[in-house]
Every structure is written in structure tokens, then in C-alpha cells.
């Protein structure tokens, strides 16, 4: 029997609500464990999305497909890894610890789920673990053989409502995502596992650039001290401050556009050209004075001038 509004069966509704006992009764009564919605979701995927280990266990015992895929290529493990509670999503540091999604993902890994599986956009469970700020899950995926440097084939749908800089995710690796969030614990986990700290995205934006703020928006930037620490770590690893993206912009352009004074000082101390021009002839100081929708940051402009920035030429 199908629910008309969402094409969900009674089994799916029970799984989506975490009602393991109801799921067991329905399965024993002959409910179709393998039924799918028009988007290819199974009851096990709904259990993964809800974050309920008991329901997932009942479904697997009844013969549910651990590696079944939705139309977007998602497996139950991918669904569990990327799902979050309603209160989560603003910042990796406030993911509620009581969320059952991580426990469900860990359970699926222990059941033998393919940790290398990707959806049609190239997202892996490790990408999702990094984006949702789950170091325990990330370690479990790595220990189970997840690829460290997998890259998105195309930008995934926003996990956190960030539509402004989402296109930059094309080609992003898990480490790149951790650098973007200035999530040092996650960066170190990935480094210990052999992640490439210099691997750029499809637009040649390196982890150093994204950590510095290149292509970002100030509405979702991490706290300044975390950004400085992340940039310092990348510089200590040997990140090149002179590398440019496909538009000729450097990490310093990014730090200037985000008014990250501490990062600016770090980058210049490590050889960044304070007068570097992008393909449109814009310097970091130009971006501070004319490239932000808000009023210019006087402290950032003063710092750049103290570091030797020439007055920008404004095209009339």
C-alpha cells in the first residue's frame, strides 16, 4: 500500500519515523523491503535519513539492500553520513552530539557498507563526514578504506544553505572542505591519513586559498582565530602563497576580500605579493576598497598600505 502524497509505503513511513517495532511487524507481514519511491529511496534509506540504528538493523535482518542506490546515486551510508538534525547546519562546531545519524553510519560501516561509494556528483561518505563535522565518522571511514583525496565531480546541493560559494565545490576533496571550515581537528585527521594538503578544486583554488577566504562570503566564515590557525598550518606544510586560481587571484586576494587582517599578515610574512593583480587588474587593496558590498575596512586597508600596497587604480 502506497501513500499517495509522497509515494511512500507504510514500511517507509515507519522507517522514516524510527518505529523499529512497527517496521518489524510490517516486514514479517510481507511488506516489500525493496520498494522504492520515484526518487529511488528505500525504507533503509529513510531509516538512515532519520538516524535510527534499531530500524536499520531490523531492515537489514529482513533482507534490505545495504548497497541499494537512489536516483542520485546515494547509498544508505551516504544518506546517513550527510543527514543532520534540524538544529544542525549552521556551523560544524554545533552539530548536536546526540544525533543518531553518525551512529547509524557507523553501524552501516560495521555491516560492510561500501565506504568508497560515490553519488552521481562524486560525493563520498567522507566528504559528508567532513562537511557535517564528524571526526569519529571520518576516522571510521578512513579505517575502513575510504579514499582520502576523492573530488566532487560537480557541486553538490547545499548542506548548510550556502548558495553563494557553492560552485567552488567542484573538484573539492575532503581536506579542501576541512580547510574551508578551518576545522583543524579534521584537517589533522586527514593529514595523518595521507591527504594531499595542496590539492586544488576544479578552479585551481587550493586549500590555502579557500581557508584564506577566496571565493567565500562573510556570512558563513569561521571565527578569525580558527582561520589564522588553519592558514598557519597550511603554510607550515609548505603551501605556495603565489599560486593563482583560474582568474589570477591569490590567497591574499581572498584574505583581503574577507578583511582577514591576521591572515594577510601571515601570507605577506611568507612571501605573498601585496600588489599581485588578478586577470582584471585588481589588487588585494582594490578588493578591500571597492570589492565588498559593505563599507571598506579601514584597518585592513591600513594594514595593506603598511605592508607596501600601492594605491589601486580605479577604472572609470
Foldseek 3Di string as FASTA:
>chain_A
DADVPFRHDPLLVCLLVQNQVVNLVCLVVPPDQCDATPQGDGSLLSNLLNQHQSNNVSSVVSPHDQCGAGNQQDGSLLNLLQHADPPDQQALVVGPPPGNSLVNNLSSVVVPRDQQGATNQFDGSLLRNLNNNPPVSNLSSVVSPYDQFTATCAFDPRSRPDPQQRRLRAGDTSLLSNLLNLPVVNNVSSVVSPHDQFRGHPQNQGSLLNLLAVSHDLVRHHDLVSSLVSNVVSVVVPHDQCDATNQQDGSLLRNLLNVNQSSNVVSVVSPHDQCRQTNVGDGSLNCQCPVHPDHHDPVSNVSSVVSPYDDGDDDD
